Every structure is written in C-alpha cells, then in structure tokens.
C-alpha cells in the first residue's frame, strides 16, 4: 500500500518529504493542497492535519503531520539506508540537533527573505527594500552559523555521508537563494557552495524538478 503525501511545491519541508520518498523508492502518491483555494482549511484536510499546514501523510488510517516527525517515521518504517538517519546514537543526535536548530535558524532566516521580497509584494503591491536587505543580511549571517556549527569542514552537515539534515537544509536554503536579493548569499560562503554541489549531485534530477515552481515564482518578484 502506498502512502499519500499532502504538500505544496512552495513549501520547503514539503519538497523535502517528497524528495525523501523518491530517493528511497517509497511508494507514494502526492496531493497538492491549494492554499489559494483554502483547501488546507477544508474539513477533509483538517481531519488529516488539524494544524492545517503542509506537509502531512496518510498511511492507511494513520495520519501524521510535522515534517521532521514524518521523515523519521518513513525512515523507520521503510528501513532506508542508515546514513539518512543513523542508528548510532551519537550520529543520530547530530542529525536531530540540526533538525531542532533549523526551525529558528535557517528556516526562519530564509522565510523572512521570501515573505518580504515575494509574498508580501504580491499581496500588497509594495516592496520594502530596506526590510528585504535587512533579512538578507540576517540570512547570510545564519548561513555562516550553519557552516561553523554543523558543516565544520565535513562533506555533509553531520558527517561524511548525506543525511536527512542535508536534505532539509538544502530545501530551506534554495528558498532565499531563488529570490532576486538573495542570489549573492553565498558569495562569502565557499564551503556552503561546495556542500550544495555535493548534495545536489545526489538529489538530482528530482531536486531540480521539485524547485521549478519555486524559481518561477521568485523570478516574477
């Protein structure tokens, strides 16, 4: 039996979950939750994900929200390769540490850039460039922190093999990088630039395909 993944292509964690399923050949079907039609508030979706956010999954009669809970569930149920979510306690703790940090770290910094440069101008017709520049600077500082706290000269964020930490991180990072004002975010981050190339080489071609709508949306900003 396949699982159903409820997602939106502009949602970073949504893309991470779909990519994880594709990379690990987990049988699944995807259903886009259209926020413009308020499908996330429908009784049907609310029964699946009471928080009315994406992503969520339905596995038979079992429903689960929250992306990091979902990816851990999938890793365990489908017994994916150990490097994604290591069995070794210390190696797993390093992955968990990144997943805990990213919510107020990379995710917040990237979201602030995109909200102020893409979403707010689309809804109001006005862009506050001063605010955008401020959030871009914060994002650059946060990327530097990710480098110092997690990458630290390794091939990947939590060691010498790719993990779900890298998958979630790159899905977050591509968000501000796709914005007009965020294209230079990595100009002083050669280690992160090389890390991205390593991760993209493993995730492609699915990674580029999953980012198409994101890049089209940002190009219109």
Protein backbone atom coordinates (compact mmCIF):
# COMPACT_ATOMS: atom_id res chain seq x y z
CA UNK A 1 0.00 0.00 0.00
CA UNK A 2 1.34 3.43 -0.92
CA UNK A 3 1.25 6.45 1.34
CA UNK A 4 -0.31 9.78 0.38
CA UNK A 5 1.82 12.90 0.79
CA UNK A 6 -0.09 16.17 1.07
CA UNK A 7 2.16 19.02 0.08
CA UNK A 8 2.67 22.34 -1.69
CA UNK A 9 5.61 22.94 -4.07
CA UNK A 10 6.49 26.29 -2.42
CA UNK A 11 6.78 24.61 0.99
CA UNK A 12 10.37 23.73 1.86
CA UNK A 13 9.57 20.77 4.17
CA UNK A 14 7.00 19.53 1.66
CA UNK A 15 9.66 19.26 -1.00
CA UNK A 16 11.99 17.52 1.45
CA UNK A 17 9.41 14.82 2.19
CA UNK A 18 8.58 14.17 -1.46
CA UNK A 19 12.27 14.04 -2.34
CA UNK A 20 12.92 11.61 0.51
CA UNK A 21 10.21 9.31 -0.82
CA UNK A 22 11.57 9.48 -4.36
CA UNK A 23 15.19 8.93 -3.36
CA UNK A 24 14.30 5.90 -1.24
CA UNK A 25 11.78 4.50 -3.69
CA UNK A 26 8.98 4.68 -1.14
CA UNK A 27 5.73 4.01 -2.93
CA UNK A 28 3.61 7.14 -2.63
CA UNK A 29 1.18 9.46 -4.30
CA UNK A 30 1.17 13.22 -3.93
CA UNK A 31 -1.72 15.59 -3.48
CA UNK A 32 -1.23 19.34 -3.70
CA UNK A 33 -3.02 21.32 -1.01
CA UNK A 34 -4.05 24.57 -2.74
CA UNK A 35 -3.80 27.36 -0.20
CA UNK A 36 -5.27 29.90 -2.63
CA UNK A 37 -8.49 27.88 -2.53
CA UNK A 38 -8.14 27.39 1.24
CA UNK A 39 -8.03 23.64 0.82
CA UNK A 40 -5.88 23.50 3.96
CA UNK A 41 -8.92 24.65 5.93
CA UNK A 42 -11.29 22.09 4.48
CA UNK A 43 -12.86 19.54 6.86
CA UNK A 44 -11.26 16.74 4.84
CA UNK A 45 -7.73 18.07 5.20
CA UNK A 46 -8.23 19.25 8.77
CA UNK A 47 -9.13 15.66 9.69
CA UNK A 48 -5.72 14.62 8.34
CA UNK A 49 -3.70 17.57 9.67
CA UNK A 50 -5.53 19.55 12.38
CA UNK A 51 -2.85 22.28 12.26
CA UNK A 52 -3.92 22.97 8.64
CA UNK A 53 -0.35 23.16 7.36
CA UNK A 54 1.74 21.07 4.97
CA UNK A 55 3.21 18.55 4.67
CA UNK A 56 1.18 15.67 6.03
CA UNK A 57 0.93 12.00 5.20
CA UNK A 58 -1.78 9.38 5.28
CA UNK A 59 -0.65 5.79 5.63
CA UNK A 60 -3.76 3.64 5.63
CA UNK A 61 -5.79 5.03 8.50
CA UNK A 62 -2.72 6.62 10.13
CA UNK A 63 -2.32 10.37 9.62
CA UNK A 64 0.77 12.37 10.57
CA UNK A 65 1.84 15.99 10.30
CA UNK A 66 5.10 17.81 11.10
CA UNK A 67 7.82 17.19 8.56
CA UNK A 68 10.58 16.03 10.90
CA UNK A 69 8.23 13.52 12.54
CA UNK A 70 7.16 12.34 9.10
CA UNK A 71 10.69 11.76 7.82
CA UNK A 72 11.67 9.84 10.96
CA UNK A 73 8.57 7.68 10.62
CA UNK A 74 9.30 6.94 6.96
CA UNK A 75 12.97 6.18 7.67
CA UNK A 76 11.99 3.65 10.32
CA UNK A 77 9.06 2.04 8.53
CA UNK A 78 10.83 1.59 5.19
CA UNK A 79 14.24 0.75 6.69
CA UNK A 80 16.09 3.21 4.47
CA UNK A 81 19.87 3.29 4.21
CA UNK A 82 21.40 4.03 7.60
CA UNK A 83 23.18 7.21 6.52
CA UNK A 84 19.86 9.05 6.20
CA UNK A 85 19.02 8.68 9.90
CA UNK A 86 21.81 6.73 11.62
CA UNK A 87 21.17 4.04 14.19
CA UNK A 88 24.33 5.05 16.07
CA UNK A 89 23.14 7.18 18.98
CA UNK A 90 25.71 9.96 18.64
CA UNK A 91 25.42 10.18 14.85
CA UNK A 92 21.63 10.34 15.13
CA UNK A 93 21.86 13.01 17.81
CA UNK A 94 23.85 15.23 15.44
CA UNK A 95 21.09 14.92 12.82
CA UNK A 96 18.45 15.67 15.45
CA UNK A 97 20.42 18.70 16.59
CA UNK A 98 20.34 20.19 13.11
CA UNK A 99 16.61 19.47 12.69
CA UNK A 100 15.94 21.20 16.01
CA UNK A 101 18.13 24.21 15.11
CA UNK A 102 16.76 24.84 11.66
CA UNK A 103 13.29 25.94 12.78
CA UNK A 104 14.56 29.17 14.34
CA UNK A 105 17.80 29.15 12.33
CA UNK A 106 17.93 28.59 8.59
CA UNK A 107 14.17 28.17 8.13
CA UNK A 108 13.25 31.45 9.79
CA UNK A 109 16.01 33.39 8.04
CA UNK A 110 15.04 32.07 4.61
CA UNK A 111 11.32 32.55 5.15
CA UNK A 112 11.84 36.18 6.19
CA UNK A 113 13.61 36.92 2.89
CA UNK A 114 10.97 35.28 0.72
CA UNK A 115 7.99 36.69 2.61
CA UNK A 116 9.29 40.24 2.33
CA UNK A 117 10.54 40.05 -1.24
CA UNK A 118 7.99 37.75 -2.88
CA UNK A 119 4.80 37.11 -0.93
CA UNK A 120 4.17 40.49 0.70
CA UNK A 121 4.68 42.48 -2.55
CA UNK A 122 2.37 40.08 -4.38
CA UNK A 123 -0.41 40.66 -1.87
CA UNK A 124 0.12 44.39 -1.27
CA UNK A 125 1.76 45.63 -4.47
CA UNK A 126 4.59 47.19 -2.42
CA UNK A 127 8.09 46.04 -1.54
CA UNK A 128 10.07 47.39 1.39
CA UNK A 129 13.61 47.02 0.05
CA UNK A 130 15.12 48.18 3.32
CA UNK A 131 13.40 45.33 5.14
CA UNK A 132 14.45 42.87 2.41
CA UNK A 133 18.09 43.97 2.71
CA UNK A 134 17.94 43.54 6.49
CA UNK A 135 16.61 39.99 6.22
CA UNK A 136 19.13 39.09 3.51
CA UNK A 137 21.92 40.18 5.85
CA UNK A 138 20.45 38.06 8.65
CA UNK A 139 20.18 35.10 6.28
CA UNK A 140 23.83 35.48 5.30
CA UNK A 141 24.85 35.51 8.97
CA UNK A 142 22.69 32.44 9.65
CA UNK A 143 24.26 30.51 6.77
CA UNK A 144 27.64 31.32 8.28
CA UNK A 145 26.45 29.91 11.60
CA UNK A 146 25.28 26.72 9.89
CA UNK A 147 28.76 26.36 8.43
CA UNK A 148 30.50 26.84 11.79
CA UNK A 149 28.06 24.82 13.91
CA UNK A 150 27.31 21.87 11.65
CA UNK A 151 29.39 21.60 8.45
CA UNK A 152 32.76 22.34 10.08
CA UNK A 153 34.86 21.13 7.15
CA UNK A 154 32.96 17.86 6.71
CA UNK A 155 31.49 16.70 3.41
CA UNK A 156 27.96 16.89 4.81
CA UNK A 157 26.29 18.61 7.75
CA UNK A 158 26.51 15.67 10.13
CA UNK A 159 29.47 13.71 8.81
CA UNK A 160 30.92 12.18 5.68
CA UNK A 161 27.63 10.86 4.29
CA UNK A 162 24.40 12.61 3.38
CA UNK A 163 21.59 12.57 5.95
CA UNK A 164 18.10 13.98 6.28
CA UNK A 165 19.73 17.06 7.81
CA UNK A 166 21.29 17.88 4.42
CA UNK A 167 18.03 17.19 2.63
CA UNK A 168 16.04 19.55 4.83
CA UNK A 169 18.79 22.18 4.83
CA UNK A 170 19.14 22.43 1.08
CA UNK A 171 15.35 22.65 0.65
CA UNK A 172 15.39 25.58 3.08
CA UNK A 173 18.43 27.27 1.58
CA UNK A 174 17.21 27.27 -2.02
CA UNK A 175 14.25 29.41 -0.92
CA UNK A 176 16.15 32.67 -0.24
CA UNK A 177 18.75 31.86 -2.91
CA UNK A 178 15.98 31.90 -5.52
CA UNK A 179 14.89 35.42 -4.53
CA UNK A 180 16.32 38.37 -6.52
CA UNK A 181 18.04 39.88 -3.47
CA UNK A 182 19.27 36.53 -2.23
CA UNK A 183 21.30 35.45 -5.24
CA UNK A 184 24.55 36.66 -3.66
CA UNK A 185 24.00 35.00 -0.30
CA UNK A 186 26.82 32.51 -0.83
CA UNK A 187 29.43 34.94 -2.21
CA UNK A 188 31.40 34.67 1.03
CA UNK A 189 30.46 31.05 1.76
CA UNK A 190 32.67 28.80 -0.41
CA UNK A 191 32.30 25.83 1.97
CA UNK A 192 28.49 26.01 1.77
CA UNK A 193 28.67 26.42 -2.01
CA UNK A 194 30.70 23.22 -2.34
CA UNK A 195 28.41 21.43 0.13
CA UNK A 196 25.41 22.38 -2.00
CA UNK A 197 27.06 20.93 -5.11
CA UNK A 198 27.67 17.63 -3.32
CA UNK A 199 24.09 17.43 -2.09
CA UNK A 200 22.58 18.44 -5.44
CA UNK A 201 24.61 15.75 -7.21
CA UNK A 202 22.93 13.12 -5.03
CA UNK A 203 19.41 14.59 -5.17
CA UNK A 204 19.20 15.36 -8.88
CA UNK A 205 17.35 15.18 -11.21
CA UNK A 206 14.44 15.16 -8.74
CA UNK A 207 15.77 18.17 -6.85
CA UNK A 208 15.76 20.49 -9.86
CA UNK A 209 12.32 19.29 -10.89
CA UNK A 210 10.89 19.94 -7.42
CA UNK A 211 12.26 23.50 -7.44
CA UNK A 212 10.75 24.60 -10.77
CA UNK A 213 7.66 26.31 -9.37
CA UNK A 214 9.68 27.96 -6.62
CA UNK A 215 12.09 29.50 -9.11
CA UNK A 216 9.30 30.63 -11.42
CA UNK A 217 7.53 32.31 -8.52
CA UNK A 218 10.67 34.10 -7.38
CA UNK A 219 11.54 35.26 -10.88
CA UNK A 220 8.23 37.10 -11.02
CA UNK A 221 9.03 39.09 -7.85
